[in-house]
């Protein structure tokens, strides 16, 4: 998924969607899971729903996201 090949849609790659999640979280401190997803769907279409969980997991592995259970929201770790 991360390493592109000739069939990869770069707009819907894990790296690009992760970058867009970071951009959204830089603009707003804490954003709900569904709100981030709806912003991405508006920009990239319904296919982003398949890549979004992978992108969020990628950011967690890198230590860039905090998840707040009570709010069901993300916060960017700087």
PDB file of N, CA and C in Angstrom:
ATOM      1  N   UNK A   1       0.805  -1.203   0.000  1.00  0.00           N
ATOM      2  CA  UNK A   1       0.000   0.000   0.000  1.00  0.00           C
ATOM      3  C   UNK A   1       0.850   1.269   0.000  1.00  0.00           C
ATOM      4  N   UNK A   2       1.936   1.286   0.736  1.00  0.00           N
ATOM      5  CA  UNK A   2       2.728   2.498   0.810  1.00  0.00           C
ATOM      6  C   UNK A   2       3.627   2.635  -0.419  1.00  0.00           C
ATOM      7  N   UNK A   3       4.198   1.527  -0.868  1.00  0.00           N
ATOM      8  CA  UNK A   3       5.074   1.563  -2.036  1.00  0.00           C
ATOM      9  C   UNK A   3       4.217   1.580  -3.299  1.00  0.00           C
ATOM     10  N   UNK A   4       4.310   2.656  -4.088  1.00  0.00           N
ATOM     11  CA  UNK A   4       3.468   2.744  -5.290  1.00  0.00           C
ATOM     12  C   UNK A   4       3.960   1.849  -6.414  1.00  0.00           C
ATOM     13  N   UNK A   5       3.009   1.443  -7.236  1.00  0.00           N
ATOM     14  CA  UNK A   5       3.342   0.750  -8.478  1.00  0.00           C
ATOM     15  C   UNK A   5       2.611   1.486  -9.608  1.00  0.00           C
ATOM     16  N   UNK A   6       2.623   0.937 -10.793  1.00  0.00           N
ATOM     17  CA  UNK A   6       2.050   1.664 -11.925  1.00  0.00           C
ATOM     18  C   UNK A   6       0.525   1.754 -11.866  1.00  0.00           C
ATOM     19  N   UNK A   7      -0.119   0.978 -10.992  1.00  0.00           N
ATOM     20  CA  UNK A   7      -1.565   1.001 -10.863  1.00  0.00           C
ATOM     21  C   UNK A   7      -2.049   1.841  -9.684  1.00  0.00           C
ATOM     22  N   UNK A   8      -1.145   2.384  -8.912  1.00  0.00           N
ATOM     23  CA  UNK A   8      -1.503   3.142  -7.716  1.00  0.00           C
ATOM     24  C   UNK A   8      -2.075   4.504  -8.086  1.00  0.00           C
ATOM     25  N   UNK A   9      -3.208   4.816  -7.489  1.00  0.00           N
ATOM     26  CA  UNK A   9      -3.784   6.149  -7.595  1.00  0.00           C
ATOM     27  C   UNK A   9      -3.147   6.975  -6.477  1.00  0.00           C
ATOM     28  N   UNK A  10      -2.255   7.879  -6.833  1.00  0.00           N
ATOM     29  CA  UNK A  10      -1.501   8.622  -5.830  1.00  0.00           C
ATOM     30  C   UNK A  10      -2.383   9.502  -4.951  1.00  0.00           C
ATOM     31  N   UNK A  11      -3.522   9.951  -5.482  1.00  0.00           N
ATOM     32  CA  UNK A  11      -4.436  10.750  -4.664  1.00  0.00           C
ATOM     33  C   UNK A  11      -5.027   9.930  -3.531  1.00  0.00           C
ATOM     34  N   UNK A  12      -5.208   8.636  -3.740  1.00  0.00           N
ATOM     35  CA  UNK A  12      -5.798   7.767  -2.725  1.00  0.00           C
ATOM     36  C   UNK A  12      -4.757   6.882  -2.053  1.00  0.00           C
ATOM     37  N   UNK A  13      -3.515   7.301  -2.066  1.00  0.00           N
ATOM     38  CA  UNK A  13      -2.474   6.525  -1.395  1.00  0.00           C
ATOM     39  C   UNK A  13      -2.504   6.806   0.109  1.00  0.00           C
ATOM     40  N   UNK A  14      -1.989   5.887   0.885  1.00  0.00           N
ATOM     41  CA  UNK A  14      -1.949   6.028   2.344  1.00  0.00           C
ATOM     42  C   UNK A  14      -1.160   7.267   2.742  1.00  0.00           C
ATOM     43  N   UNK A  15      -0.073   7.514   2.066  1.00  0.00           N
ATOM     44  CA  UNK A  15       0.776   8.662   2.405  1.00  0.00           C
ATOM     45  C   UNK A  15       0.036   9.971   2.142  1.00  0.00           C
ATOM     46  N   UNK A  16      -0.647  10.085   1.012  1.00  0.00           N
ATOM     47  CA  UNK A  16      -1.365  11.314   0.696  1.00  0.00           C
ATOM     48  C   UNK A  16      -2.537  11.545   1.652  1.00  0.00           C
ATOM     49  N   UNK A  17      -3.317  10.532   1.901  1.00  0.00           N
ATOM     50  CA  UNK A  17      -4.462  10.689   2.807  1.00  0.00           C
ATOM     51  C   UNK A  17      -3.977  10.990   4.221  1.00  0.00           C
ATOM     52  N   UNK A  18      -2.870  10.386   4.636  1.00  0.00           N
ATOM     53  CA  UNK A  18      -2.290  10.703   5.946  1.00  0.00           C
ATOM     54  C   UNK A  18      -1.878  12.174   6.012  1.00  0.00           C
ATOM     55  N   UNK A  19      -1.306  12.671   4.941  1.00  0.00           N
ATOM     56  CA  UNK A  19      -0.914  14.076   4.895  1.00  0.00           C
ATOM     57  C   UNK A  19      -2.137  14.980   4.983  1.00  0.00           C
ATOM     58  N   UNK A  20      -3.225  14.580   4.345  1.00  0.00           N
ATOM     59  CA  UNK A  20      -4.447  15.378   4.406  1.00  0.00           C
ATOM     60  C   UNK A  20      -5.059  15.360   5.801  1.00  0.00           C
ATOM     61  N   UNK A  21      -4.973  14.226   6.487  1.00  0.00           N
ATOM     62  CA  UNK A  21      -5.457  14.144   7.876  1.00  0.00           C
ATOM     63  C   UNK A  21      -4.641  15.086   8.752  1.00  0.00           C
ATOM     64  N   UNK A  22      -3.334  15.099   8.577  1.00  0.00           N
ATOM     65  CA  UNK A  22      -2.477  16.004   9.339  1.00  0.00           C
ATOM     66  C   UNK A  22      -2.853  17.453   9.045  1.00  0.00           C
ATOM     67  N   UNK A  23      -3.090  17.772   7.784  1.00  0.00           N
ATOM     68  CA  UNK A  23      -3.471  19.134   7.399  1.00  0.00           C
ATOM     69  C   UNK A  23      -4.775  19.544   8.086  1.00  0.00           C
ATOM     70  N   UNK A  24      -5.747  18.662   8.113  1.00  0.00           N
ATOM     71  CA  UNK A  24      -7.027  18.949   8.773  1.00  0.00           C
ATOM     72  C   UNK A  24      -6.827  19.177  10.259  1.00  0.00           C
ATOM     73  N   UNK A  25      -5.983  18.351  10.880  1.00  0.00           N
ATOM     74  CA  UNK A  25      -5.769  18.463  12.324  1.00  0.00           C
ATOM     75  C   UNK A  25      -4.914  19.675  12.692  1.00  0.00           C
ATOM     76  N   UNK A  26      -4.107  20.165  11.759  1.00  0.00           N
ATOM     77  CA  UNK A  26      -3.359  21.398  12.016  1.00  0.00           C
ATOM     78  C   UNK A  26      -4.286  22.605  12.025  1.00  0.00           C
ATOM     79  N   UNK A  27      -5.315  22.568  11.193  1.00  0.00           N
ATOM     80  CA  UNK A  27      -6.269  23.667  11.130  1.00  0.00           C
ATOM     81  C   UNK A  27      -7.216  23.676  12.330  1.00  0.00           C
ATOM     82  N   UNK A  28      -7.553  22.493  12.831  1.00  0.00           N
ATOM     83  CA  UNK A  28      -8.467  22.342  13.968  1.00  0.00           C
ATOM     84  C   UNK A  28      -7.792  21.449  14.997  1.00  0.00           C
ATOM     85  N   UNK A  29      -7.746  21.849  16.235  1.00  0.00           N
ATOM     86  CA  UNK A  29      -6.997  21.096  17.243  1.00  0.00           C
ATOM     87  C   UNK A  29      -7.518  19.677  17.436  1.00  0.00           C
ATOM     88  N   UNK A  30      -8.798  19.546  17.716  1.00  0.00           N
ATOM     89  CA  UNK A  30      -9.408  18.235  17.934  1.00  0.00           C
ATOM     90  C   UNK A  30     -10.586  18.108  16.984  1.00  0.00           C
ATOM     91  N   UNK A  31     -10.593  17.002  16.219  1.00  0.00           N
ATOM     92  CA  UNK A  31     -11.651  16.782  15.237  1.00  0.00           C
ATOM     93  C   UNK A  31     -12.167  15.361  15.389  1.00  0.00           C
ATOM     94  N   UNK A  32     -13.487  15.216  15.324  1.00  0.00           N
ATOM     95  CA  UNK A  32     -14.101  13.895  15.445  1.00  0.00           C
ATOM     96  C   UNK A  32     -13.750  13.020  14.242  1.00  0.00           C
ATOM     97  N   UNK A  33     -13.713  11.715  14.503  1.00  0.00           N
ATOM     98  CA  UNK A  33     -13.377  10.712  13.491  1.00  0.00           C
ATOM     99  C   UNK A  33     -14.243  10.881  12.245  1.00  0.00           C
ATOM    100  N   UNK A  34     -15.554  10.966  12.427  1.00  0.00           N
ATOM    101  CA  UNK A  34     -16.470  11.064  11.293  1.00  0.00           C
ATOM    102  C   UNK A  34     -16.346  12.388  10.550  1.00  0.00           C
ATOM    103  N   UNK A  35     -16.012  13.450  11.257  1.00  0.00           N
ATOM    104  CA  UNK A  35     -15.848  14.754  10.599  1.00  0.00           C
ATOM    105  C   UNK A  35     -14.635  14.752   9.672  1.00  0.00           C
ATOM    106  N   UNK A  36     -13.537  14.141  10.133  1.00  0.00           N
ATOM    107  CA  UNK A  36     -12.347  14.034   9.277  1.00  0.00           C
ATOM    108  C   UNK A  36     -12.692  13.219   8.035  1.00  0.00           C
ATOM    109  N   UNK A  37     -13.383  12.109   8.244  1.00  0.00           N
ATOM    110  CA  UNK A  37     -13.762  11.260   7.120  1.00  0.00           C
ATOM    111  C   UNK A  37     -14.665  12.006   6.148  1.00  0.00           C
ATOM    112  N   UNK A  38     -15.641  12.745   6.651  1.00  0.00           N
ATOM    113  CA  UNK A  38     -16.544  13.466   5.743  1.00  0.00           C
ATOM    114  C   UNK A  38     -15.805  14.551   4.964  1.00  0.00           C
ATOM    115  N   UNK A  39     -14.821  15.208   5.586  1.00  0.00           N
ATOM    116  CA  UNK A  39     -14.015  16.198   4.861  1.00  0.00           C
ATOM    117  C   UNK A  39     -13.236  15.545   3.728  1.00  0.00           C
ATOM    118  N   UNK A  40     -12.695  14.365   4.008  1.00  0.00           N
ATOM    119  CA  UNK A  40     -11.930  13.653   2.984  1.00  0.00           C
ATOM    120  C   UNK A  40     -12.832  13.137   1.866  1.00  0.00           C
ATOM    121  N   UNK A  41     -14.037  12.689   2.209  1.00  0.00           N
ATOM    122  CA  UNK A  41     -14.978  12.211   1.193  1.00  0.00           C
ATOM    123  C   UNK A  41     -15.371  13.357   0.267  1.00  0.00           C
ATOM    124  N   UNK A  42     -15.543  14.556   0.815  1.00  0.00           N
ATOM    125  CA  UNK A  42     -15.878  15.713  -0.020  1.00  0.00           C
ATOM    126  C   UNK A  42     -14.759  16.013  -1.018  1.00  0.00           C
ATOM    127  N   UNK A  43     -13.515  15.821  -0.583  1.00  0.00           N
ATOM    128  CA  UNK A  43     -12.381  16.144  -1.453  1.00  0.00           C
ATOM    129  C   UNK A  43     -12.010  15.025  -2.423  1.00  0.00           C
ATOM    130  N   UNK A  44     -12.117  13.766  -1.968  1.00  0.00           N
ATOM    131  CA  UNK A  44     -11.584  12.650  -2.754  1.00  0.00           C
ATOM    132  C   UNK A  44     -12.625  11.622  -3.188  1.00  0.00           C
ATOM    133  N   UNK A  45     -13.850  11.756  -2.741  1.00  0.00           N
ATOM    134  CA  UNK A  45     -14.886  10.812  -3.132  1.00  0.00           C
ATOM    135  C   UNK A  45     -15.002   9.634  -2.170  1.00  0.00           C
ATOM    136  N   UNK A  46     -15.946   8.764  -2.481  1.00  0.00           N
ATOM    137  CA  UNK A  46     -16.282   7.627  -1.610  1.00  0.00           C
ATOM    138  C   UNK A  46     -15.148   6.613  -1.464  1.00  0.00           C
ATOM    139  N   UNK A  47     -14.261   6.527  -2.434  1.00  0.00           N
ATOM    140  CA  UNK A  47     -13.172   5.543  -2.376  1.00  0.00           C
ATOM    141  C   UNK A  47     -12.197   5.801  -1.233  1.00  0.00           C
ATOM    142  N   UNK A  48     -12.200   7.006  -0.689  1.00  0.00           N
ATOM    143  CA  UNK A  48     -11.297   7.326   0.405  1.00  0.00           C
ATOM    144  C   UNK A  48     -11.658   6.533   1.674  1.00  0.00           C
ATOM    145  N   UNK A  49     -12.895   6.043   1.743  1.00  0.00           N
ATOM    146  CA  UNK A  49     -13.334   5.276   2.919  1.00  0.00           C
ATOM    147  C   UNK A  49     -12.532   3.985   3.098  1.00  0.00           C
ATOM    148  N   UNK A  50     -11.975   3.473   2.012  1.00  0.00           N
ATOM    149  CA  UNK A  50     -11.157   2.255   2.096  1.00  0.00           C
ATOM    150  C   UNK A  50      -9.753   2.551   2.615  1.00  0.00           C
ATOM    151  N   UNK A  51      -9.247   3.731   2.333  1.00  0.00           N
ATOM    152  CA  UNK A  51      -7.867   4.086   2.667  1.00  0.00           C
ATOM    153  C   UNK A  51      -7.779   4.793   4.023  1.00  0.00           C
ATOM    154  N   UNK A  52      -8.860   5.428   4.446  1.00  0.00           N
ATOM    155  CA  UNK A  52      -8.857   6.226   5.674  1.00  0.00           C
ATOM    156  C   UNK A  52      -8.401   5.445   6.915  1.00  0.00           C
ATOM    157  N   UNK A  53      -8.953   4.264   7.199  1.00  0.00           N
ATOM    158  CA  UNK A  53      -8.477   3.535   8.389  1.00  0.00           C
ATOM    159  C   UNK A  53      -6.993   3.170   8.320  1.00  0.00           C
ATOM    160  N   UNK A  54      -6.516   2.849   7.127  1.00  0.00           N
ATOM    161  CA  UNK A  54      -5.099   2.525   6.957  1.00  0.00           C
ATOM    162  C   UNK A  54      -4.225   3.751   7.210  1.00  0.00           C
ATOM    163  N   UNK A  55      -4.691   4.898   6.759  1.00  0.00           N
ATOM    164  CA  UNK A  55      -3.948   6.140   6.956  1.00  0.00           C
ATOM    165  C   UNK A  55      -3.903   6.531   8.428  1.00  0.00           C
ATOM    166  N   UNK A  56      -5.012   6.348   9.115  1.00  0.00           N
ATOM    167  CA  UNK A  56      -5.059   6.642  10.554  1.00  0.00           C
ATOM    168  C   UNK A  56      -4.117   5.707  11.307  1.00  0.00           C
ATOM    169  N   UNK A  57      -4.124   4.435  10.952  1.00  0.00           N
ATOM    170  CA  UNK A  57      -3.207   3.479  11.586  1.00  0.00           C
ATOM    171  C   UNK A  57      -1.753   3.846  11.321  1.00  0.00           C
ATOM    172  N   UNK A  58      -1.468   4.268  10.117  1.00  0.00           N
ATOM    173  CA  UNK A  58      -0.117   4.695   9.746  1.00  0.00           C
ATOM    174  C   UNK A  58       0.335   5.860  10.636  1.00  0.00           C
ATOM    175  N   UNK A  59      -0.549   6.832  10.864  1.00  0.00           N
ATOM    176  CA  UNK A  59      -0.212   7.976  11.707  1.00  0.00           C
ATOM    177  C   UNK A  59      -0.045   7.572  13.170  1.00  0.00           C
ATOM    178  N   UNK A  60      -0.829   6.593  13.629  1.00  0.00           N
ATOM    179  CA  UNK A  60      -0.654   6.092  14.996  1.00  0.00           C
ATOM    180  C   UNK A  60       0.708   5.414  15.146  1.00  0.00           C
ATOM    181  N   UNK A  61       1.094   4.637  14.162  1.00  0.00           N
ATOM    182  CA  UNK A  61       2.390   3.954  14.203  1.00  0.00           C
ATOM    183  C   UNK A  61       3.529   4.971  14.261  1.00  0.00           C
ATOM    184  N   UNK A  62       3.375   6.076  13.542  1.00  0.00           N
ATOM    185  CA  UNK A  62       4.395   7.125  13.537  1.00  0.00           C
ATOM    186  C   UNK A  62       4.350   7.981  14.804  1.00  0.00           C
ATOM    187  N   UNK A  63       3.321   7.812  15.623  1.00  0.00           N
ATOM    188  CA  UNK A  63       3.193   8.584  16.853  1.00  0.00           C
ATOM    189  C   UNK A  63       2.724  10.009  16.618  1.00  0.00           C
ATOM    190  N   UNK A  64       1.908  10.212  15.599  1.00  0.00           N
ATOM    191  CA  UNK A  64       1.442  11.558  15.251  1.00  0.00           C
ATOM    192  C   UNK A  64       0.021  11.859  15.716  1.00  0.00           C
ATOM    193  N   UNK A  65      -0.729  10.831  16.137  1.00  0.00           N
ATOM    194  CA  UNK A  65      -2.123  11.030  16.524  1.00  0.00           C
ATOM    195  C   UNK A  65      -2.390  10.601  17.950  1.00  0.00           C
ATOM    196  N   UNK A  66      -3.274  11.339  18.590  1.00  0.00           N
ATOM    197  CA  UNK A  66      -3.862  10.976  19.866  1.00  0.00           C
ATOM    198  C   UNK A  66      -5.334  10.729  19.605  1.00  0.00           C
ATOM    199  N   UNK A  67      -5.893   9.690  20.215  1.00  0.00           N
ATOM    200  CA  UNK A  67      -7.321   9.420  20.072  1.00  0.00           C
ATOM    201  C   UNK A  67      -7.984   9.601  21.419  1.00  0.00           C
ATOM    202  N   UNK A  68      -9.064  10.372  21.453  1.00  0.00           N
ATOM    203  CA  UNK A  68      -9.819  10.611  22.678  1.00  0.00           C
ATOM    204  C   UNK A  68     -11.101   9.779  22.611  1.00  0.00           C
ATOM    205  N   UNK A  69     -11.174   8.749  23.485  1.00  0.00           N
ATOM    206  CA  UNK A  69     -12.314   7.831  23.461  1.00  0.00           C
ATOM    207  C   UNK A  69     -13.641   8.526  23.721  1.00  0.00           C
ATOM    208  N   UNK A  70     -13.684   9.363  24.731  1.00  0.00           N
ATOM    209  CA  UNK A  70     -14.948   9.992  25.117  1.00  0.00           C
ATOM    210  C   UNK A  70     -15.495  10.899  24.009  1.00  0.00           C
ATOM    211  N   UNK A  71     -14.598  11.531  23.273  1.00  0.00           N
ATOM    212  CA  UNK A  71     -15.017  12.442  22.209  1.00  0.00           C
ATOM    213  C   UNK A  71     -15.098  11.765  20.845  1.00  0.00           C
ATOM    214  N   UNK A  72     -14.504  10.579  20.708  1.00  0.00           N
ATOM    215  CA  UNK A  72     -14.346   9.901  19.422  1.00  0.00           C
ATOM    216  C   UNK A  72     -13.673  10.856  18.443  1.00  0.00           C
ATOM    217  N   UNK A  73     -12.534  11.414  18.912  1.00  0.00           N
ATOM    218  CA  UNK A  73     -11.855  12.447  18.130  1.00  0.00           C
ATOM    219  C   UNK A  73     -10.349  12.257  18.138  1.00  0.00           C
ATOM    220  N   UNK A  74      -9.699  12.872  17.135  1.00  0.00           N
ATOM    221  CA  UNK A  74      -8.253  12.844  17.016  1.00  0.00           C
ATOM    222  C   UNK A  74      -7.652  14.179  17.415  1.00  0.00           C
ATOM    223  N   UNK A  75      -6.407  14.094  17.875  1.00  0.00           N
ATOM    224  CA  UNK A  75      -5.623  15.281  18.167  1.00  0.00           C
ATOM    225  C   UNK A  75      -4.229  15.044  17.610  1.00  0.00           C
ATOM    226  N   UNK A  76      -3.666  16.044  16.979  1.00  0.00           N
ATOM    227  CA  UNK A  76      -2.331  15.943  16.399  1.00  0.00           C
ATOM    228  C   UNK A  76      -1.277  16.098  17.480  1.00  0.00           C
ATOM    229  N   UNK A  77      -0.306  15.207  17.508  1.00  0.00           N
ATOM    230  CA  UNK A  77       0.823  15.290  18.427  1.00  0.00           C
ATOM    231  C   UNK A  77       1.947  16.013  17.694  1.00  0.00           C
ATOM    232  N   UNK A  78       2.406  17.127  18.267  1.00  0.00           N
ATOM    233  CA  UNK A  78       3.468  17.887  17.601  1.00  0.00           C
ATOM    234  C   UNK A  78       4.809  17.620  18.232  1.00  0.00           C
TER     235      UNK A  78
END
